[in-house]
C-alpha atoms as a PDB file:
ATOM      1  CA  UNK A   1     320.133 100.369 133.853  1.00  0.00           C
ATOM      2  CA  UNK A   2     323.467  98.102 132.870  1.00  0.00           C
ATOM      3  CA  UNK A   3     321.390  96.070 130.279  1.00  0.00           C
ATOM      4  CA  UNK A   4     320.391  98.636 128.280  1.00  0.00           C
ATOM      5  CA  UNK A   5     324.115 100.313 128.282  1.00  0.00           C
ATOM      6  CA  UNK A   6     325.908  99.638 124.653  1.00  0.00           C
ATOM      7  CA  UNK A   7     329.727  98.064 124.866  1.00  0.00           C
ATOM      8  CA  UNK A   8     331.210 100.575 122.939  1.00  0.00           C
ATOM      9  CA  UNK A   9     329.443 104.309 123.614  1.00  0.00           C
ATOM     10  CA  UNK A  10     326.984 105.901 125.980  1.00  0.00           C
ATOM     11  CA  UNK A  11     323.319 105.410 125.889  1.00  0.00           C
ATOM     12  CA  UNK A  12     321.206 107.476 123.796  1.00  0.00           C
ATOM     13  CA  UNK A  13     317.931 108.421 125.225  1.00  0.00           C
ATOM     14  CA  UNK A  14     314.282 110.338 123.565  1.00  0.00           C
ATOM     15  CA  UNK A  15     313.850 113.346 126.114  1.00  0.00           C
ATOM     16  CA  UNK A  16     310.443 113.872 127.229  1.00  0.00           C
ATOM     17  CA  UNK A  17     308.806 116.613 125.406  1.00  0.00           C
ATOM     18  CA  UNK A  18     305.307 117.534 126.589  1.00  0.00           C
ATOM     19  CA  UNK A  19     302.790 117.367 123.443  1.00  0.00           C
ATOM     20  CA  UNK A  20     305.300 116.204 120.971  1.00  0.00           C
ATOM     21  CA  UNK A  21     307.384 112.943 121.967  1.00  0.00           C
ATOM     22  CA  UNK A  22     303.905 111.080 121.671  1.00  0.00           C
ATOM     23  CA  UNK A  23     302.708 107.786 120.352  1.00  0.00           C
ATOM     24  CA  UNK A  24     302.777 109.042 116.648  1.00  0.00           C
ATOM     25  CA  UNK A  25     306.665 110.579 117.160  1.00  0.00           C
ATOM     26  CA  UNK A  26     307.899 107.609 118.712  1.00  0.00           C
ATOM     27  CA  UNK A  27     306.408 106.101 115.166  1.00  0.00           C
ATOM     28  CA  UNK A  28     308.799 108.853 113.618  1.00  0.00           C
ATOM     29  CA  UNK A  29     311.754 107.703 115.578  1.00  0.00           C
ATOM     30  CA  UNK A  30     311.373 104.579 115.156  1.00  0.00           C
ATOM     31  CA  UNK A  31     311.044 104.703 111.334  1.00  0.00           C
ATOM     32  CA  UNK A  32     314.675 106.879 110.853  1.00  0.00           C
ATOM     33  CA  UNK A  33     316.462 105.324 113.832  1.00  0.00           C
ATOM     34  CA  UNK A  34     315.388 104.864 117.028  1.00  0.00           C
ATOM     35  CA  UNK A  35     317.228 105.754 120.665  1.00  0.00           C
ATOM     36  CA  UNK A  36     318.272 103.397 123.063  1.00  0.00           C
ATOM     37  CA  UNK A  37     315.653 104.317 125.435  1.00  0.00           C
ATOM     38  CA  UNK A  38     312.452 106.323 125.132  1.00  0.00           C
ATOM     39  CA  UNK A  39     311.004 108.503 128.045  1.00  0.00           C
ATOM     40  CA  UNK A  40     307.041 108.894 127.998  1.00  0.00           C
ATOM     41  CA  UNK A  41     305.633 112.151 128.217  1.00  0.00           C
ATOM     42  CA  UNK A  42     304.779 113.249 131.646  1.00  0.00           C
ATOM     43  CA  UNK A  43     302.204 111.981 133.638  1.00  0.00           C
ATOM     44  CA  UNK A  44     300.475 114.802 135.699  1.00  0.00           C
ATOM     45  CA  UNK A  45     300.051 113.532 139.412  1.00  0.00           C
ATOM     46  CA  UNK A  46     297.613 115.031 142.178  1.00  0.00           C
ATOM     47  CA  UNK A  47     294.586 114.013 143.849  1.00  0.00           C
ATOM     48  CA  UNK A  48     292.379 113.465 140.747  1.00  0.00           C
ATOM     49  CA  UNK A  49     294.727 112.415 138.585  1.00  0.00           C
ATOM     50  CA  UNK A  50     294.398 109.097 136.542  1.00  0.00           C
ATOM     51  CA  UNK A  51     297.684 108.406 133.643  1.00  0.00           C
ATOM     52  CA  UNK A  52     296.670 109.712 130.770  1.00  0.00           C
ATOM     53  CA  UNK A  53     295.220 107.487 128.352  1.00  0.00           C
ATOM     54  CA  UNK A  54     296.838 108.446 125.380  1.00  0.00           C
ATOM     55  CA  UNK A  55     300.452 108.501 127.006  1.00  0.00           C
ATOM     56  CA  UNK A  56     299.749 105.119 128.205  1.00  0.00           C
ATOM     57  CA  UNK A  57     299.353 104.263 124.515  1.00  0.00           C
ATOM     58  CA  UNK A  58     302.985 105.341 123.856  1.00  0.00           C
ATOM     59  CA  UNK A  59     303.751 102.185 126.102  1.00  0.00           C
ATOM     60  CA  UNK A  60     301.364  99.686 125.316  1.00  0.00           C
ATOM     61  CA  UNK A  61     301.862 100.505 121.799  1.00  0.00           C
ATOM     62  CA  UNK A  62     305.204 100.962 121.737  1.00  0.00           C
ATOM     63  CA  UNK A  63     306.448 100.328 117.941  1.00  0.00           C
ATOM     64  CA  UNK A  64     310.151 100.125 118.772  1.00  0.00           C
ATOM     65  CA  UNK A  65     310.471  97.273 121.144  1.00  0.00           C
ATOM     66  CA  UNK A  66     312.982  99.766 123.129  1.00  0.00           C
ATOM     67  CA  UNK A  67     312.541 100.016 126.252  1.00  0.00           C
ATOM     68  CA  UNK A  68     310.788 102.740 127.924  1.00  0.00           C
ATOM     69  CA  UNK A  69     310.467 104.974 131.256  1.00  0.00           C
ATOM     70  CA  UNK A  70     307.357 106.688 132.593  1.00  0.00           C
ATOM     71  CA  UNK A  71     308.089 109.978 133.692  1.00  0.00           C
ATOM     72  CA  UNK A  72     305.502 111.751 136.577  1.00  0.00           C
ATOM     73  CA  UNK A  73     305.392 115.311 137.663  1.00  0.00           C
ATOM     74  CA  UNK A  74     303.926 116.601 140.701  1.00  0.00           C
ATOM     75  CA  UNK A  75     304.658 116.730 144.798  1.00  0.00           C
ATOM     76  CA  UNK A  76     301.679 114.874 146.142  1.00  0.00           C
ATOM     77  CA  UNK A  77     303.317 112.063 148.049  1.00  0.00           C
ATOM     78  CA  UNK A  78     300.458 109.299 148.033  1.00  0.00           C
ATOM     79  CA  UNK A  79     299.474 110.026 144.728  1.00  0.00           C
ATOM     80  CA  UNK A  80     302.801 109.863 143.000  1.00  0.00           C
ATOM     81  CA  UNK A  81     302.880 106.335 144.885  1.00  0.00           C
ATOM     82  CA  UNK A  82     299.650 105.405 143.498  1.00  0.00           C
ATOM     83  CA  UNK A  83     300.749 106.328 140.136  1.00  0.00           C
ATOM     84  CA  UNK A  84     304.047 104.745 140.197  1.00  0.00           C
ATOM     85  CA  UNK A  85     302.208 101.472 141.322  1.00  0.00           C
ATOM     86  CA  UNK A  86     299.883 101.833 138.302  1.00  0.00           C
ATOM     87  CA  UNK A  87     302.605 102.630 135.966  1.00  0.00           C
ATOM     88  CA  UNK A  88     304.639  99.993 136.880  1.00  0.00           C
ATOM     89  CA  UNK A  89     302.136  97.419 135.607  1.00  0.00           C
ATOM     90  CA  UNK A  90     302.790  98.315 132.206  1.00  0.00           C
ATOM     91  CA  UNK A  91     305.473  97.559 129.826  1.00  0.00           C
ATOM     92  CA  UNK A  92     307.907 100.358 131.830  1.00  0.00           C
ATOM     93  CA  UNK A  93     311.718  99.638 133.430  1.00  0.00           C
ATOM     94  CA  UNK A  94     311.589 102.256 135.368  1.00  0.00           C
ATOM     95  CA  UNK A  95     310.027 105.425 136.679  1.00  0.00           C
ATOM     96  CA  UNK A  96     311.392 108.793 136.327  1.00  0.00           C
ATOM     97  CA  UNK A  97     310.569 112.251 138.265  1.00  0.00           C
ATOM     98  CA  UNK A  98     310.427 115.384 136.316  1.00  0.00           C
ATOM     99  CA  UNK A  99     312.194 118.252 138.368  1.00  0.00           C
ATOM    100  CA  UNK A 100     313.290 119.865 135.101  1.00  0.00           C
ATOM    101  CA  UNK A 101     310.479 121.143 133.627  1.00  0.00           C
ATOM    102  CA  UNK A 102     310.682 125.028 133.547  1.00  0.00           C
ATOM    103  CA  UNK A 103     307.338 126.028 132.330  1.00  0.00           C
ATOM    104  CA  UNK A 104     305.756 128.577 134.837  1.00  0.00           C
ATOM    105  CA  UNK A 105     302.392 127.079 134.768  1.00  0.00           C
ATOM    106  CA  UNK A 106     304.132 124.018 136.215  1.00  0.00           C
ATOM    107  CA  UNK A 107     306.185 125.826 138.580  1.00  0.00           C
ATOM    108  CA  UNK A 108     303.633 127.481 140.266  1.00  0.00           C
ATOM    109  CA  UNK A 109     301.922 124.535 140.853  1.00  0.00           C
ATOM    110  CA  UNK A 110     305.364 123.625 143.260  1.00  0.00           C
ATOM    111  CA  UNK A 111     305.968 120.701 140.444  1.00  0.00           C
ATOM    112  CA  UNK A 112     308.791 120.082 137.898  1.00  0.00           C
ATOM    113  CA  UNK A 113     311.737 122.638 138.212  1.00  0.00           C
ATOM    114  CA  UNK A 114     309.226 124.455 140.583  1.00  0.00           C
ATOM    115  CA  UNK A 115     310.159 121.993 143.406  1.00  0.00           C
ATOM    116  CA  UNK A 116     314.304 122.943 142.877  1.00  0.00           C
ATOM    117  CA  UNK A 117     313.197 125.675 145.437  1.00  0.00           C
ATOM    118  CA  UNK A 118     312.138 123.443 147.747  1.00  0.00           C
ATOM    119  CA  UNK A 119     315.058 120.610 148.213  1.00  0.00           C
ATOM    120  CA  UNK A 120     313.708 119.277 151.702  1.00  0.00           C
ATOM    121  CA  UNK A 121     310.515 118.275 149.870  1.00  0.00           C
ATOM    122  CA  UNK A 122     312.450 116.737 147.146  1.00  0.00           C
ATOM    123  CA  UNK A 123     313.985 114.610 149.458  1.00  0.00           C
ATOM    124  CA  UNK A 124     310.789 113.821 151.022  1.00  0.00           C
ATOM    125  CA  UNK A 125     309.495 112.553 147.880  1.00  0.00           C
ATOM    126  CA  UNK A 126     312.536 110.482 146.575  1.00  0.00           C
ATOM    127  CA  UNK A 127     312.434 109.033 150.154  1.00  0.00           C
ATOM    128  CA  UNK A 128     308.960 107.823 149.740  1.00  0.00           C
ATOM    129  CA  UNK A 129     309.413 106.795 145.858  1.00  0.00           C
ATOM    130  CA  UNK A 130     312.264 104.405 146.157  1.00  0.00           C
ATOM    131  CA  UNK A 131     310.269 101.863 148.237  1.00  0.00           C
ATOM    132  CA  UNK A 132     307.513 101.833 146.301  1.00  0.00           C
ATOM    133  CA  UNK A 133     309.267 101.481 143.094  1.00  0.00           C
ATOM    134  CA  UNK A 134     310.444  97.737 142.097  1.00  0.00           C
ATOM    135  CA  UNK A 135     311.773  99.008 138.530  1.00  0.00           C
ATOM    136  CA  UNK A 136     314.606 101.885 138.117  1.00  0.00           C
ATOM    137  CA  UNK A 137     313.920 104.857 139.259  1.00  0.00           C
ATOM    138  CA  UNK A 138     315.046 107.752 137.931  1.00  0.00           C
ATOM    139  CA  UNK A 139     315.340 111.500 138.201  1.00  0.00           C
ATOM    140  CA  UNK A 140     315.411 114.380 135.252  1.00  0.00           C
ATOM    141  CA  UNK A 141     316.747 117.721 136.713  1.00  0.00           C
ATOM    142  CA  UNK A 142     317.799 120.893 136.170  1.00  0.00           C
ATOM    143  CA  UNK A 143     321.185 123.121 138.070  1.00  0.00           C
ATOM    144  CA  UNK A 144     318.478 124.759 140.354  1.00  0.00           C
ATOM    145  CA  UNK A 145     315.821 127.344 140.211  1.00  0.00           C
ATOM    146  CA  UNK A 146     317.773 130.821 140.583  1.00  0.00           C
ATOM    147  CA  UNK A 147     321.276 129.899 140.027  1.00  0.00           C
ATOM    148  CA  UNK A 148     323.569 127.431 139.081  1.00  0.00           C
ATOM    149  CA  UNK A 149     325.516 127.447 142.629  1.00  0.00           C
ATOM    150  CA  UNK A 150     322.253 125.551 143.730  1.00  0.00           C
ATOM    151  CA  UNK A 151     323.502 122.117 142.485  1.00  0.00           C
ATOM    152  CA  UNK A 152     326.250 121.044 144.747  1.00  0.00           C
ATOM    153  CA  UNK A 153     323.257 121.020 147.302  1.00  0.00           C
ATOM    154  CA  UNK A 154     321.248 119.326 145.430  1.00  0.00           C
ATOM    155  CA  UNK A 155     323.863 116.785 144.154  1.00  0.00           C
ATOM    156  CA  UNK A 156     324.360 116.026 147.675  1.00  0.00           C
ATOM    157  CA  UNK A 157     320.786 115.296 148.187  1.00  0.00           C
ATOM    158  CA  UNK A 158     320.829 113.413 145.078  1.00  0.00           C
ATOM    159  CA  UNK A 159     323.942 111.250 146.292  1.00  0.00           C
ATOM    160  CA  UNK A 160     321.908 110.296 149.578  1.00  0.00           C
ATOM    161  CA  UNK A 161     319.157 108.159 147.552  1.00  0.00           C
ATOM    162  CA  UNK A 162     319.848 104.816 145.733  1.00  0.00           C
ATOM    163  CA  UNK A 163     318.603 106.215 142.169  1.00  0.00           C
ATOM    164  CA  UNK A 164     319.156 104.129 139.232  1.00  0.00           C
ATOM    165  CA  UNK A 165     320.502 107.168 136.858  1.00  0.00           C
ATOM    166  CA  UNK A 166     320.021 111.231 137.056  1.00  0.00           C
ATOM    167  CA  UNK A 167     319.551 113.293 133.966  1.00  0.00           C
ATOM    168  CA  UNK A 168     320.878 116.583 134.012  1.00  0.00           C
ATOM    169  CA  UNK A 169     319.577 119.245 131.996  1.00  0.00           C
ATOM    170  CA  UNK A 170     322.781 121.968 132.341  1.00  0.00           C
ATOM    171  CA  UNK A 171     320.646 124.972 132.900  1.00  0.00           C
ATOM    172  CA  UNK A 172     319.030 126.364 135.789  1.00  0.00           C
ATOM    173  CA  UNK A 173     314.962 126.804 135.205  1.00  0.00           C
ATOM    174  CA  UNK A 174     315.256 130.770 135.207  1.00  0.00           C
ATOM    175  CA  UNK A 175     317.632 130.260 132.177  1.00  0.00           C
ATOM    176  CA  UNK A 176     314.823 128.017 130.634  1.00  0.00           C
ATOM    177  CA  UNK A 177     316.663 127.568 126.891  1.00  0.00           C
ATOM    178  CA  UNK A 178     318.182 130.788 126.564  1.00  0.00           C
ATOM    179  CA  UNK A 179     321.948 130.311 127.855  1.00  0.00           C
ATOM    180  CA  UNK A 180     324.669 127.931 126.990  1.00  0.00           C
ATOM    181  CA  UNK A 181     324.694 124.409 128.579  1.00  0.00           C
ATOM    182  CA  UNK A 182     326.780 124.795 131.947  1.00  0.00           C
ATOM    183  CA  UNK A 183     328.646 121.065 131.013  1.00  0.00           C
ATOM    184  CA  UNK A 184     330.935 121.598 133.956  1.00  0.00           C
ATOM    185  CA  UNK A 185     328.220 120.990 136.511  1.00  0.00           C
ATOM    186  CA  UNK A 186     327.194 118.056 134.730  1.00  0.00           C
ATOM    187  CA  UNK A 187     330.983 116.784 134.726  1.00  0.00           C
ATOM    188  CA  UNK A 188     330.223 117.279 138.854  1.00  0.00           C
ATOM    189  CA  UNK A 189     327.688 115.018 138.653  1.00  0.00           C
ATOM    190  CA  UNK A 190     329.614 112.178 136.797  1.00  0.00           C
ATOM    191  CA  UNK A 191     332.292 112.700 138.953  1.00  0.00           C
ATOM    192  CA  UNK A 192     330.743 112.685 142.093  1.00  0.00           C
ATOM    193  CA  UNK A 193     327.413 110.231 142.093  1.00  0.00           C
ATOM    194  CA  UNK A 194     327.526 106.450 142.121  1.00  0.00           C
ATOM    195  CA  UNK A 195     325.309 106.451 139.421  1.00  0.00           C
ATOM    196  CA  UNK A 196     324.986 107.142 135.638  1.00  0.00           C
ATOM    197  CA  UNK A 197     324.404 110.319 134.539  1.00  0.00           C
ATOM    198  CA  UNK A 198     322.863 111.289 131.796  1.00  0.00           C
ATOM    199  CA  UNK A 199     323.864 115.095 129.622  1.00  0.00           C
ATOM    200  CA  UNK A 200     320.600 117.042 128.475  1.00  0.00           C
ATOM    201  CA  UNK A 201     320.740 120.895 126.804  1.00  0.00           C
ATOM    202  CA  UNK A 202     321.645 121.497 123.043  1.00  0.00           C
ATOM    203  CA  UNK A 203     322.518 118.213 121.954  1.00  0.00           C
ATOM    204  CA  UNK A 204     321.887 119.272 118.308  1.00  0.00           C
ATOM    205  CA  UNK A 205     324.634 117.534 116.183  1.00  0.00           C
ATOM    206  CA  UNK A 206     327.124 114.506 116.020  1.00  0.00           C
ATOM    207  CA  UNK A 207     329.586 117.585 116.511  1.00  0.00           C
ATOM    208  CA  UNK A 208     327.822 118.894 119.890  1.00  0.00           C
ATOM    209  CA  UNK A 209     327.115 115.135 120.905  1.00  0.00           C
ATOM    210  CA  UNK A 210     331.035 114.376 120.772  1.00  0.00           C
ATOM    211  CA  UNK A 211     331.763 117.650 122.684  1.00  0.00           C
ATOM    212  CA  UNK A 212     329.080 117.594 125.193  1.00  0.00           C
ATOM    213  CA  UNK A 213     330.566 114.043 125.977  1.00  0.00           C
ATOM    214  CA  UNK A 214     333.813 115.007 126.660  1.00  0.00           C
ATOM    215  CA  UNK A 215     333.353 118.011 128.399  1.00  0.00           C
ATOM    216  CA  UNK A 216     330.707 115.807 131.071  1.00  0.00           C
ATOM    217  CA  UNK A 217     332.049 112.297 130.835  1.00  0.00           C
ATOM    218  CA  UNK A 218     328.579 111.898 130.704  1.00  0.00           C
ATOM    219  CA  UNK A 219     327.333 108.247 130.724  1.00  0.00           C
ATOM    220  CA  UNK A 220     324.621 109.150 128.217  1.00  0.00           C
ATOM    221  CA  UNK A 221     322.759 111.792 126.087  1.00  0.00           C
ATOM    222  CA  UNK A 222     319.412 112.794 126.168  1.00  0.00           C
ATOM    223  CA  UNK A 223     318.285 114.537 122.940  1.00  0.00           C
ATOM    224  CA  UNK A 224     315.041 116.333 122.735  1.00  0.00           C
ATOM    225  CA  UNK A 225     314.778 119.424 120.151  1.00  0.00           C
ATOM    226  CA  UNK A 226     317.572 118.181 118.185  1.00  0.00           C
ATOM    227  CA  UNK A 227     315.760 114.841 117.486  1.00  0.00           C
ATOM    228  CA  UNK A 228     312.775 117.079 115.891  1.00  0.00           C
ATOM    229  CA  UNK A 229     315.336 119.067 113.415  1.00  0.00           C
ATOM    230  CA  UNK A 230     317.029 116.100 112.760  1.00  0.00           C
ATOM    231  CA  UNK A 231     315.689 112.750 112.855  1.00  0.00           C
ATOM    232  CA  UNK A 232     318.864 110.581 112.029  1.00  0.00           C
ATOM    233  CA  UNK A 233     320.994 111.941 114.833  1.00  0.00           C
ATOM    234  CA  UNK A 234     320.494 108.414 116.955  1.00  0.00           C
ATOM    235  CA  UNK A 235     321.579 106.648 113.868  1.00  0.00           C
ATOM    236  CA  UNK A 236     324.493 109.253 112.936  1.00  0.00           C
ATOM    237  CA  UNK A 237     326.237 109.085 116.537  1.00  0.00           C
ATOM    238  CA  UNK A 238     325.469 105.244 116.717  1.00  0.00           C
ATOM    239  CA  UNK A 239     327.505 105.292 112.853  1.00  0.00           C
ATOM    240  CA  UNK A 240     330.539 107.564 114.690  1.00  0.00           C
ATOM    241  CA  UNK A 241     330.920 105.749 116.838  1.00  0.00           C
ATOM    242  CA  UNK A 242     331.162 102.301 114.400  1.00  0.00           C
ATOM    243  CA  UNK A 243     333.651 104.474 112.886  1.00  0.00           C
ATOM    244  CA  UNK A 244     331.623 104.767 109.716  1.00  0.00           C
ATOM    245  CA  UNK A 245     330.469 108.069 108.076  1.00  0.00           C
ATOM    246  CA  UNK A 246     327.428 109.765 109.575  1.00  0.00           C
ATOM    247  CA  UNK A 247     324.818 109.297 107.443  1.00  0.00           C
ATOM    248  CA  UNK A 248     324.349 113.050 105.955  1.00  0.00           C
ATOM    249  CA  UNK A 249     320.729 114.159 104.440  1.00  0.00           C
ATOM    250  CA  UNK A 250     319.923 116.586 101.975  1.00  0.00           C
ATOM    251  CA  UNK A 251     316.862 118.789 101.631  1.00  0.00           C
ATOM    252  CA  UNK A 252     314.844 116.626 100.067  1.00  0.00           C
ATOM    253  CA  UNK A 253     315.656 113.709 102.516  1.00  0.00           C
ATOM    254  CA  UNK A 254     313.837 116.493 104.942  1.00  0.00           C
ATOM    255  CA  UNK A 255     311.015 116.946 102.820  1.00  0.00           C
ATOM    256  CA  UNK A 256     309.798 112.926 102.955  1.00  0.00           C
ATOM    257  CA  UNK A 257     310.403 113.530 106.886  1.00  0.00           C
ATOM    258  CA  UNK A 258     308.223 116.331 107.077  1.00  0.00           C
ATOM    259  CA  UNK A 259     305.672 114.212 105.187  1.00  0.00           C
ATOM    260  CA  UNK A 260     306.159 111.008 107.764  1.00  0.00           C
ATOM    261  CA  UNK A 261     306.050 113.812 110.460  1.00  0.00           C
ATOM    262  CA  UNK A 262     302.683 114.775 109.490  1.00  0.00           C
ATOM    263  CA  UNK A 263     301.152 111.684 108.322  1.00  0.00           C
ATOM    264  CA  UNK A 264     302.342 110.120 111.697  1.00  0.00           C
ATOM    265  CA  UNK A 265     301.471 112.709 114.614  1.00  0.00           C
ATOM    266  CA  UNK A 266     298.097 113.819 112.782  1.00  0.00           C
ATOM    267  CA  UNK A 267     295.052 111.515 114.285  1.00  0.00           C
ATOM    268  CA  UNK A 268     292.570 111.012 111.546  1.00  0.00           C
ATOM    269  CA  UNK A 269     289.629 112.536 113.047  1.00  0.00           C
ATOM    270  CA  UNK A 270     291.708 115.827 113.112  1.00  0.00           C
ATOM    271  CA  UNK A 271     290.712 118.526 111.138  1.00  0.00           C
ATOM    272  CA  UNK A 272     292.684 119.446 108.466  1.00  0.00           C
ATOM    273  CA  UNK A 273     293.749 122.816 109.698  1.00  0.00           C
ATOM    274  CA  UNK A 274     294.069 121.526 113.579  1.00  0.00           C
ATOM    275  CA  UNK A 275     296.842 118.755 111.574  1.00  0.00           C
ATOM    276  CA  UNK A 276     298.784 121.919 109.921  1.00  0.00           C
ATOM    277  CA  UNK A 277     298.628 123.968 112.862  1.00  0.00           C
ATOM    278  CA  UNK A 278     300.318 120.496 114.704  1.00  0.00           C
ATOM    279  CA  UNK A 279     302.950 120.492 112.455  1.00  0.00           C
ATOM    280  CA  UNK A 280     303.638 123.460 112.464  1.00  0.00           C
ATOM    281  CA  UNK A 281     305.160 123.210 116.187  1.00  0.00           C
ATOM    282  CA  UNK A 282     308.168 121.047 114.458  1.00  0.00           C
ATOM    283  CA  UNK A 283     308.451 123.139 111.546  1.00  0.00           C
ATOM    284  CA  UNK A 284     309.742 125.799 114.064  1.00  0.00           C
ATOM    285  CA  UNK A 285     312.670 123.705 114.805  1.00  0.00           C
ATOM    286  CA  UNK A 286     312.960 122.060 111.046  1.00  0.00           C
ATOM    287  CA  UNK A 287     312.934 124.961 109.342  1.00  0.00           C
ATOM    288  CA  UNK A 288     314.646 127.636 111.195  1.00  0.00           C
ATOM    289  CA  UNK A 289     317.835 129.380 109.856  1.00  0.00           C
ATOM    290  CA  UNK A 290     317.349 127.563 106.741  1.00  0.00           C
ATOM    291  CA  UNK A 291     317.326 130.680 104.265  1.00  0.00           C
ATOM    292  CA  UNK A 292     318.960 133.830 105.238  1.00  0.00           C
ATOM    293  CA  UNK A 293     315.648 135.644 105.377  1.00  0.00           C
ATOM    294  CA  UNK A 294     313.697 132.680 107.086  1.00  0.00           C
ATOM    295  CA  UNK A 295     311.419 132.711 103.946  1.00  0.00           C
ATOM    296  CA  UNK A 296     310.688 129.215 104.308  1.00  0.00           C
ATOM    297  CA  UNK A 297     309.667 129.270 107.905  1.00  0.00           C
ATOM    298  CA  UNK A 298     307.659 132.767 107.542  1.00  0.00           C
ATOM    299  CA  UNK A 299     305.716 131.160 104.564  1.00  0.00           C
ATOM    300  CA  UNK A 300     305.280 127.837 106.741  1.00  0.00           C
ATOM    301  CA  UNK A 301     303.519 129.622 109.400  1.00  0.00           C
ATOM    302  CA  UNK A 302     301.153 131.569 107.016  1.00  0.00           C
ATOM    303  CA  UNK A 303     299.930 127.838 105.587  1.00  0.00           C
ATOM    304  CA  UNK A 304     296.190 126.681 106.399  1.00  0.00           C
ATOM    305  CA  UNK A 305     295.286 123.882 104.410  1.00  0.00           C
ATOM    306  CA  UNK A 306     297.579 120.486 103.627  1.00  0.00           C
ATOM    307  CA  UNK A 307     297.654 121.633 100.220  1.00  0.00           C
ATOM    308  CA  UNK A 308     299.472 124.892 100.955  1.00  0.00           C
ATOM    309  CA  UNK A 309     301.843 123.879 103.464  1.00  0.00           C
ATOM    310  CA  UNK A 310     303.477 120.969 101.157  1.00  0.00           C
ATOM    311  CA  UNK A 311     303.616 123.202  98.145  1.00  0.00           C
ATOM    312  CA  UNK A 312     305.479 125.761 100.305  1.00  0.00           C
ATOM    313  CA  UNK A 313     307.661 122.384 101.658  1.00  0.00           C
ATOM    314  CA  UNK A 314     308.001 121.506  97.771  1.00  0.00           C
ATOM    315  CA  UNK A 315     309.150 125.001  96.733  1.00  0.00           C
ATOM    316  CA  UNK A 316     312.115 125.328  99.062  1.00  0.00           C
ATOM    317  CA  UNK A 317     313.240 121.423  99.813  1.00  0.00           C
ATOM    318  CA  UNK A 318     313.133 119.556  96.708  1.00  0.00           C
ATOM    319  CA  UNK A 319     316.793 119.927  96.274  1.00  0.00           C
ATOM    320  CA  UNK A 320     319.838 117.694  97.101  1.00  0.00           C
ATOM    321  CA  UNK A 321     321.566 120.082  98.765  1.00  0.00           C
ATOM    322  CA  UNK A 322     323.132 118.367 102.093  1.00  0.00           C
ATOM    323  CA  UNK A 323     320.909 119.572 105.212  1.00  0.00           C
ATOM    324  CA  UNK A 324     323.530 121.487 107.679  1.00  0.00           C
ATOM    325  CA  UNK A 325     323.997 119.326 110.613  1.00  0.00           C
ATOM    326  CA  UNK A 326     323.675 122.623 112.795  1.00  0.00           C
ATOM    327  CA  UNK A 327     321.369 125.478 112.652  1.00  0.00           C
ATOM    328  CA  UNK A 328     323.133 128.487 111.796  1.00  0.00           C
ATOM    329  CA  UNK A 329     322.385 130.194 115.034  1.00  0.00           C
ATOM    330  CA  UNK A 330     322.031 128.035 117.779  1.00  0.00           C
ATOM    331  CA  UNK A 331     320.803 130.528 120.249  1.00  0.00           C
ATOM    332  CA  UNK A 332     317.372 130.892 117.942  1.00  0.00           C
ATOM    333  CA  UNK A 333     316.700 127.478 118.263  1.00  0.00           C
ATOM    334  CA  UNK A 334     317.182 127.833 122.025  1.00  0.00           C
ATOM    335  CA  UNK A 335     314.988 130.498 122.263  1.00  0.00           C
ATOM    336  CA  UNK A 336     312.341 128.862 120.099  1.00  0.00           C
ATOM    337  CA  UNK A 337     312.127 125.660 122.160  1.00  0.00           C
ATOM    338  CA  UNK A 338     310.611 127.833 125.089  1.00  0.00           C
ATOM    339  CA  UNK A 339     307.599 126.679 123.200  1.00  0.00           C
ATOM    340  CA  UNK A 340     308.161 123.023 125.072  1.00  0.00           C
ATOM    341  CA  UNK A 341     308.143 122.085 128.618  1.00  0.00           C
ATOM    342  CA  UNK A 342     310.913 119.684 128.389  1.00  0.00           C
END
C-alpha cells in the first residue's frame, strides 16, 4: 500500500459506483486527471456468480496505468474466496469487500451495508478472506446500519484483522446520502486503527477535500459524486498541494466534458435514445443548481435525441463564466445521489 501513497499529500481514490465507474468513465477520468487509485464497480458474489465481464474489462483494459483494487459484494464465504482467487489473476493490486452499499435490494440479501447488522458474520468473512488474498485486502464500510453508535464496536472488530486499509463513508446505511457526513467517527478510525483510513462522503470540491482531511486526519480521500460533477477534482487537489492555483473550469469546459462523457460511456451499439438516457444519469450531478429554477436540468431530462440533448447544452453552457466549485445546495446533490448505490 505504501507504494501508492504520494510523499506530499493524501492518496486520491475514485470511488466505486455501480453502473457508473465503468471502463468508459475510467477513460473520461484519465482524460481529465486520474486519481492515484481506482476501485472497480462491485463484483456480485453468490453460488452461481462469475466475475462480470464488463467489470473485468475495466481492469484488463485500464487506460490509465494506475493501480486498481477489485471490489466484491456478497456474504457466501466459499464463493467470496473463489472469486477473490479469480480476480487476483488479473492486474489488480488488491481486493476490497463492500460493506457500504445502502441500496435496499442489496441490503435485503444480507450484502453490502446489510452485513453491518451482523458483525459476527463480517468477522467470519474477514477471517476467511485474509488467508485467501495474497495481495492487498481492503474494506469499504459505513458507520453502521441504524446509528453511528454502532461504529466503535465495528472498529474494534476491524482492528483485529490485518487489513491493508479501511474506507469509511461517514454515514449509516439508513442515512443513505441525506445527512451530513459524521467526520468525528472517521477521525476515530484514523486514530485507532493500525492501518490507513480513507475518508468518503461529500468531497465535492477542493475546499471540502481540505475540510474533510482537517476533520478526519485520514490517509486518503475516496471521491465519487464529486468526480462526476467535476472531473478535474483530482487534478485540482494535486495542484493545491503542489502550491499552485487549482484549475477553474468554465461552463464551456463543462460543455466539452459532457461531450467526452457521452462519447466514452455510450457503447457504439446502443440505440441513440438509450445513449441519451445513460448520460442523463450523470447530468443529475453536473447540471443541478446551475440556474435558479433548474431550467437546464429540467430541459435536459426531456431530451430524447442526441441533437436535442446537445442543443440544450449549447444554449446553457457556451459561455466563459467560471463553473461554481460546489453546487449551490450540497444537500440536493446528496439526495440525488441515492440513484447511485455507492
